N, C-alpha and C. Protein backbone atom coordinates (compact mmCIF):
# COMPACT_ATOMS: atom_id res chain seq x y z
N MET A 1 -1.74 -3.89 -46.91
CA MET A 1 -2.54 -2.71 -47.11
C MET A 1 -1.99 -1.62 -46.20
N ILE A 2 -1.69 -0.48 -46.76
CA ILE A 2 -1.13 0.63 -45.99
C ILE A 2 -2.20 1.70 -45.87
N GLY A 3 -2.48 2.09 -44.60
CA GLY A 3 -3.49 3.10 -44.36
C GLY A 3 -2.87 4.42 -43.96
N ARG A 4 -3.69 5.40 -43.72
CA ARG A 4 -3.20 6.71 -43.31
C ARG A 4 -3.93 7.11 -42.04
N ALA A 5 -3.16 7.59 -41.08
CA ALA A 5 -3.74 8.07 -39.83
C ALA A 5 -3.19 9.45 -39.55
N ALA A 6 -4.02 10.41 -39.48
CA ALA A 6 -3.66 11.79 -39.19
C ALA A 6 -2.57 12.29 -40.15
N GLY A 7 -2.70 11.93 -41.42
CA GLY A 7 -1.75 12.39 -42.42
C GLY A 7 -0.43 11.64 -42.40
N ARG A 8 -0.37 10.50 -41.73
CA ARG A 8 0.87 9.76 -41.58
C ARG A 8 0.63 8.34 -42.08
N ALA A 9 1.56 7.79 -42.80
CA ALA A 9 1.42 6.42 -43.30
C ALA A 9 1.63 5.45 -42.17
N THR A 10 0.81 4.41 -42.11
CA THR A 10 0.93 3.39 -41.07
C THR A 10 1.30 2.07 -41.70
N SER A 11 2.00 1.26 -40.93
CA SER A 11 2.37 -0.06 -41.43
C SER A 11 1.18 -1.00 -41.28
N PRO A 12 1.23 -2.17 -41.93
CA PRO A 12 0.07 -3.08 -41.90
C PRO A 12 -0.32 -3.53 -40.50
N GLY A 13 0.62 -3.73 -39.57
CA GLY A 13 0.28 -4.22 -38.24
C GLY A 13 -0.06 -3.13 -37.23
N GLU A 14 0.09 -1.89 -37.61
CA GLU A 14 -0.10 -0.78 -36.68
C GLU A 14 -1.55 -0.32 -36.68
N ASP A 15 -2.07 -0.09 -35.49
CA ASP A 15 -3.43 0.42 -35.35
C ASP A 15 -3.41 1.92 -35.68
N PRO A 16 -4.21 2.36 -36.64
CA PRO A 16 -4.17 3.78 -37.01
C PRO A 16 -4.62 4.71 -35.89
N ARG A 17 -5.33 4.20 -34.92
CA ARG A 17 -5.78 5.06 -33.81
C ARG A 17 -4.70 5.26 -32.76
N MET A 18 -3.70 4.37 -32.73
CA MET A 18 -2.67 4.41 -31.70
C MET A 18 -1.36 4.93 -32.27
N THR A 19 -1.34 6.16 -32.69
CA THR A 19 -0.13 6.76 -33.23
C THR A 19 0.57 7.55 -32.13
N SER A 20 1.84 7.79 -32.30
CA SER A 20 2.58 8.55 -31.31
C SER A 20 2.87 9.96 -31.83
N ASP A 21 1.90 10.52 -32.53
CA ASP A 21 2.07 11.89 -33.03
C ASP A 21 1.90 12.91 -31.91
N ASN A 22 1.31 12.51 -30.81
CA ASN A 22 1.03 13.44 -29.73
C ASN A 22 1.84 13.04 -28.50
N PRO A 23 2.97 13.68 -28.25
CA PRO A 23 3.81 13.29 -27.11
C PRO A 23 3.14 13.55 -25.76
N VAL A 24 2.27 14.54 -25.69
CA VAL A 24 1.58 14.82 -24.43
C VAL A 24 0.63 13.67 -24.10
N ALA A 25 -0.09 13.20 -25.10
CA ALA A 25 -1.01 12.08 -24.88
C ALA A 25 -0.23 10.82 -24.50
N ASP A 26 0.91 10.61 -25.13
CA ASP A 26 1.74 9.45 -24.78
C ASP A 26 2.21 9.53 -23.33
N ARG A 27 2.63 10.71 -22.92
CA ARG A 27 3.10 10.90 -21.55
C ARG A 27 1.97 10.67 -20.55
N LEU A 28 0.79 11.20 -20.85
CA LEU A 28 -0.36 11.01 -19.97
C LEU A 28 -0.76 9.54 -19.87
N LEU A 29 -0.71 8.85 -21.01
CA LEU A 29 -1.04 7.43 -21.02
C LEU A 29 -0.02 6.63 -20.20
N THR A 30 1.24 6.96 -20.33
CA THR A 30 2.29 6.29 -19.56
C THR A 30 2.11 6.55 -18.07
N ASP A 31 1.80 7.80 -17.71
CA ASP A 31 1.58 8.13 -16.31
C ASP A 31 0.37 7.39 -15.75
N ALA A 32 -0.69 7.28 -16.54
CA ALA A 32 -1.88 6.57 -16.09
C ALA A 32 -1.60 5.09 -15.88
N ARG A 33 -0.81 4.50 -16.77
CA ARG A 33 -0.45 3.09 -16.60
C ARG A 33 0.40 2.88 -15.35
N LYS A 34 1.33 3.79 -15.09
CA LYS A 34 2.15 3.68 -13.88
C LYS A 34 1.30 3.80 -12.63
N LYS A 35 0.34 4.73 -12.65
CA LYS A 35 -0.53 4.91 -11.49
C LYS A 35 -1.39 3.68 -11.26
N THR A 36 -1.91 3.10 -12.32
CA THR A 36 -2.71 1.88 -12.19
C THR A 36 -1.87 0.74 -11.66
N ALA A 37 -0.67 0.60 -12.13
CA ALA A 37 0.22 -0.46 -11.64
C ALA A 37 0.55 -0.24 -10.18
N ARG A 38 0.73 1.01 -9.78
CA ARG A 38 1.03 1.32 -8.38
C ARG A 38 -0.17 1.02 -7.49
N LEU A 39 -1.37 1.29 -7.96
CA LEU A 39 -2.57 1.03 -7.17
C LEU A 39 -2.83 -0.47 -7.02
N GLU A 40 -2.41 -1.25 -8.00
CA GLU A 40 -2.62 -2.69 -7.93
C GLU A 40 -1.48 -3.41 -7.22
N SER A 41 -0.46 -2.68 -6.83
CA SER A 41 0.70 -3.28 -6.18
C SER A 41 0.39 -3.59 -4.72
N PRO A 42 0.76 -4.78 -4.24
CA PRO A 42 0.52 -5.13 -2.84
C PRO A 42 1.63 -4.66 -1.90
N ALA A 43 2.49 -3.78 -2.34
CA ALA A 43 3.64 -3.35 -1.54
C ALA A 43 3.21 -2.67 -0.24
N LEU A 44 2.18 -1.84 -0.28
CA LEU A 44 1.74 -1.13 0.91
C LEU A 44 1.22 -2.11 1.97
N ALA A 45 0.45 -3.08 1.55
CA ALA A 45 -0.08 -4.07 2.49
C ALA A 45 1.04 -4.94 3.06
N LYS A 46 2.03 -5.27 2.22
CA LYS A 46 3.15 -6.07 2.71
C LYS A 46 3.94 -5.28 3.76
N ALA A 47 4.14 -4.01 3.50
CA ALA A 47 4.85 -3.16 4.47
C ALA A 47 4.05 -3.08 5.77
N ALA A 48 2.75 -2.91 5.67
CA ALA A 48 1.90 -2.85 6.85
C ALA A 48 1.94 -4.15 7.63
N LEU A 49 1.96 -5.27 6.92
CA LEU A 49 2.01 -6.58 7.57
C LEU A 49 3.34 -6.77 8.31
N ILE A 50 4.43 -6.38 7.69
CA ILE A 50 5.74 -6.49 8.33
C ILE A 50 5.80 -5.60 9.56
N VAL A 51 5.33 -4.37 9.46
CA VAL A 51 5.33 -3.47 10.60
C VAL A 51 4.41 -4.00 11.70
N GLY A 52 3.28 -4.60 11.33
CA GLY A 52 2.37 -5.17 12.32
C GLY A 52 3.01 -6.31 13.09
N ILE A 53 3.74 -7.18 12.39
CA ILE A 53 4.42 -8.29 13.06
C ILE A 53 5.48 -7.76 14.01
N VAL A 54 6.27 -6.79 13.55
CA VAL A 54 7.29 -6.18 14.41
C VAL A 54 6.63 -5.48 15.59
N ALA A 55 5.50 -4.86 15.38
CA ALA A 55 4.79 -4.16 16.46
C ALA A 55 4.34 -5.13 17.54
N VAL A 56 3.82 -6.29 17.14
CA VAL A 56 3.38 -7.28 18.14
C VAL A 56 4.59 -7.80 18.92
N LEU A 57 5.69 -8.02 18.22
CA LEU A 57 6.90 -8.51 18.90
C LEU A 57 7.47 -7.45 19.85
N ALA A 58 7.35 -6.17 19.48
CA ALA A 58 7.90 -5.09 20.30
C ALA A 58 6.89 -4.54 21.29
N SER A 59 5.68 -5.03 21.31
CA SER A 59 4.63 -4.43 22.14
C SER A 59 4.86 -4.55 23.66
N PRO A 60 5.63 -5.53 24.19
CA PRO A 60 5.92 -5.45 25.62
C PRO A 60 6.67 -4.18 26.03
N ILE A 61 7.40 -3.60 25.09
CA ILE A 61 7.96 -2.26 25.32
C ILE A 61 6.85 -1.31 24.88
N SER A 62 6.09 -0.83 25.83
CA SER A 62 4.79 -0.22 25.53
C SER A 62 4.85 0.89 24.49
N ILE A 63 5.79 1.81 24.59
CA ILE A 63 5.80 2.92 23.64
C ILE A 63 6.11 2.44 22.22
N ALA A 64 6.97 1.42 22.09
CA ALA A 64 7.27 0.86 20.78
C ALA A 64 6.03 0.18 20.20
N GLY A 65 5.29 -0.53 21.04
CA GLY A 65 4.06 -1.17 20.58
C GLY A 65 3.03 -0.17 20.11
N TRP A 66 2.93 0.94 20.83
CA TRP A 66 1.97 1.97 20.45
C TRP A 66 2.34 2.60 19.11
N ILE A 67 3.60 2.97 18.98
CA ILE A 67 4.04 3.67 17.76
C ILE A 67 3.97 2.73 16.55
N LEU A 68 4.56 1.55 16.68
CA LEU A 68 4.55 0.63 15.55
C LEU A 68 3.14 0.12 15.23
N GLY A 69 2.32 -0.05 16.26
CA GLY A 69 0.93 -0.46 16.03
C GLY A 69 0.15 0.61 15.28
N ALA A 70 0.37 1.86 15.65
CA ALA A 70 -0.30 2.95 14.94
C ALA A 70 0.17 3.04 13.49
N ILE A 71 1.46 2.80 13.27
CA ILE A 71 1.98 2.83 11.89
C ILE A 71 1.38 1.68 11.08
N ALA A 72 1.28 0.50 11.70
CA ALA A 72 0.68 -0.65 10.99
C ALA A 72 -0.77 -0.38 10.62
N VAL A 73 -1.51 0.20 11.53
CA VAL A 73 -2.91 0.54 11.24
C VAL A 73 -2.97 1.61 10.14
N GLY A 74 -2.10 2.61 10.25
CA GLY A 74 -2.07 3.68 9.25
C GLY A 74 -1.71 3.20 7.86
N LEU A 75 -0.82 2.22 7.76
CA LEU A 75 -0.48 1.66 6.45
C LEU A 75 -1.53 0.66 5.97
N GLY A 76 -2.21 0.01 6.91
CA GLY A 76 -3.19 -1.01 6.55
C GLY A 76 -4.49 -0.44 6.01
N VAL A 77 -4.89 0.71 6.51
CA VAL A 77 -6.18 1.29 6.08
C VAL A 77 -6.20 1.60 4.58
N PRO A 78 -5.19 2.28 4.03
CA PRO A 78 -5.22 2.46 2.57
C PRO A 78 -5.04 1.15 1.80
N GLY A 79 -4.36 0.19 2.41
CA GLY A 79 -4.17 -1.09 1.76
C GLY A 79 -5.45 -1.88 1.61
N VAL A 80 -6.41 -1.68 2.51
CA VAL A 80 -7.70 -2.37 2.43
C VAL A 80 -8.47 -1.92 1.19
N GLN A 81 -8.25 -0.71 0.75
CA GLN A 81 -8.98 -0.18 -0.40
C GLN A 81 -8.47 -0.75 -1.71
N ARG A 82 -7.33 -1.44 -1.69
CA ARG A 82 -6.77 -2.05 -2.89
C ARG A 82 -7.16 -3.52 -2.92
N PRO A 83 -7.89 -3.95 -3.92
CA PRO A 83 -8.39 -5.33 -3.91
C PRO A 83 -7.31 -6.40 -3.94
N ALA A 84 -6.15 -6.09 -4.49
CA ALA A 84 -5.09 -7.10 -4.60
C ALA A 84 -4.47 -7.43 -3.24
N SER A 85 -4.61 -6.53 -2.28
CA SER A 85 -3.91 -6.71 -1.02
C SER A 85 -4.80 -6.51 0.20
N ALA A 86 -6.10 -6.62 0.04
CA ALA A 86 -7.02 -6.33 1.13
C ALA A 86 -6.84 -7.29 2.30
N LYS A 87 -6.61 -8.56 2.03
CA LYS A 87 -6.49 -9.55 3.10
C LYS A 87 -5.25 -9.27 3.95
N GLN A 88 -4.13 -9.00 3.33
CA GLN A 88 -2.91 -8.70 4.07
C GLN A 88 -3.09 -7.41 4.88
N ALA A 89 -3.75 -6.43 4.31
CA ALA A 89 -3.95 -5.17 5.01
C ALA A 89 -4.86 -5.35 6.24
N LYS A 90 -5.89 -6.19 6.11
CA LYS A 90 -6.76 -6.45 7.26
C LYS A 90 -6.00 -7.14 8.38
N ILE A 91 -5.14 -8.09 8.03
CA ILE A 91 -4.32 -8.77 9.04
C ILE A 91 -3.38 -7.77 9.70
N ALA A 92 -2.82 -6.86 8.92
CA ALA A 92 -1.92 -5.84 9.47
C ALA A 92 -2.66 -4.92 10.44
N ILE A 93 -3.90 -4.57 10.12
CA ILE A 93 -4.68 -3.72 11.02
C ILE A 93 -4.94 -4.45 12.33
N VAL A 94 -5.31 -5.71 12.24
CA VAL A 94 -5.56 -6.50 13.46
C VAL A 94 -4.29 -6.60 14.29
N LEU A 95 -3.15 -6.86 13.65
CA LEU A 95 -1.89 -6.94 14.38
C LEU A 95 -1.53 -5.59 15.01
N GLY A 96 -1.77 -4.50 14.30
CA GLY A 96 -1.50 -3.17 14.84
C GLY A 96 -2.35 -2.86 16.06
N VAL A 97 -3.63 -3.18 15.98
CA VAL A 97 -4.53 -2.94 17.13
C VAL A 97 -4.13 -3.84 18.30
N ALA A 98 -3.78 -5.09 18.00
CA ALA A 98 -3.34 -6.01 19.06
C ALA A 98 -2.07 -5.49 19.72
N ALA A 99 -1.14 -4.96 18.94
CA ALA A 99 0.10 -4.42 19.50
C ALA A 99 -0.18 -3.23 20.40
N ILE A 100 -1.11 -2.39 19.99
CA ILE A 100 -1.47 -1.24 20.83
C ILE A 100 -2.08 -1.71 22.14
N LEU A 101 -3.00 -2.67 22.06
CA LEU A 101 -3.63 -3.18 23.29
C LEU A 101 -2.63 -3.89 24.19
N ILE A 102 -1.72 -4.66 23.63
CA ILE A 102 -0.69 -5.33 24.44
C ILE A 102 0.22 -4.29 25.07
N GLY A 103 0.55 -3.26 24.31
CA GLY A 103 1.36 -2.17 24.86
C GLY A 103 0.67 -1.46 26.01
N VAL A 104 -0.63 -1.23 25.89
CA VAL A 104 -1.40 -0.61 26.98
C VAL A 104 -1.41 -1.54 28.20
N PHE A 105 -1.58 -2.84 27.97
CA PHE A 105 -1.58 -3.80 29.07
C PHE A 105 -0.25 -3.75 29.83
N PHE A 106 0.86 -3.82 29.10
CA PHE A 106 2.16 -3.82 29.76
C PHE A 106 2.45 -2.48 30.43
N PHE A 107 2.01 -1.39 29.84
CA PHE A 107 2.19 -0.08 30.48
C PHE A 107 1.41 -0.01 31.78
N THR A 108 0.16 -0.47 31.76
CA THR A 108 -0.67 -0.46 32.96
C THR A 108 -0.09 -1.40 34.01
N TRP A 109 0.37 -2.55 33.60
CA TRP A 109 0.97 -3.52 34.52
C TRP A 109 2.22 -2.95 35.16
N ASN A 110 3.03 -2.25 34.37
CA ASN A 110 4.24 -1.64 34.88
C ASN A 110 3.93 -0.55 35.91
N ILE A 111 2.94 0.26 35.63
CA ILE A 111 2.54 1.33 36.57
C ILE A 111 1.97 0.71 37.85
N ALA A 112 1.15 -0.33 37.71
CA ALA A 112 0.54 -0.97 38.87
C ALA A 112 1.60 -1.66 39.74
N SER A 113 2.60 -2.26 39.13
CA SER A 113 3.62 -2.97 39.90
C SER A 113 4.54 -2.00 40.63
N ARG A 114 4.71 -0.82 40.14
CA ARG A 114 5.53 0.20 40.83
C ARG A 114 4.81 0.75 42.04
N GLY A 115 3.50 0.84 41.95
CA GLY A 115 2.71 1.41 43.06
C GLY A 115 2.55 0.45 44.21
N ALA A 116 2.69 -0.84 43.99
CA ALA A 116 2.44 -1.81 45.04
C ALA A 116 3.65 -2.09 45.88
């Protein structure tokens, strides 16, 4: 059975509502699908987790711990809002805060040891 959609003949397996007569609508639909795929991607949380691990390892060098810890927290906060990667993002935030605190400890210890 051949139907007609918007003055155009459709094949039997084609949905008459899903025609590509409108290139603007096709482009918008493609952009929306890309945005949805990007929002569901765990890449941001993975990046935050990697930076958080590096931040904890580098935190005895106080300024590196502060900077990398802040970056891990900054990447982790938007990652928490994505359901696919919320757990990884929360771990990254904890690691970032821990790196900042360890960096503060080593900075304070360094200052105290110089004064004594």
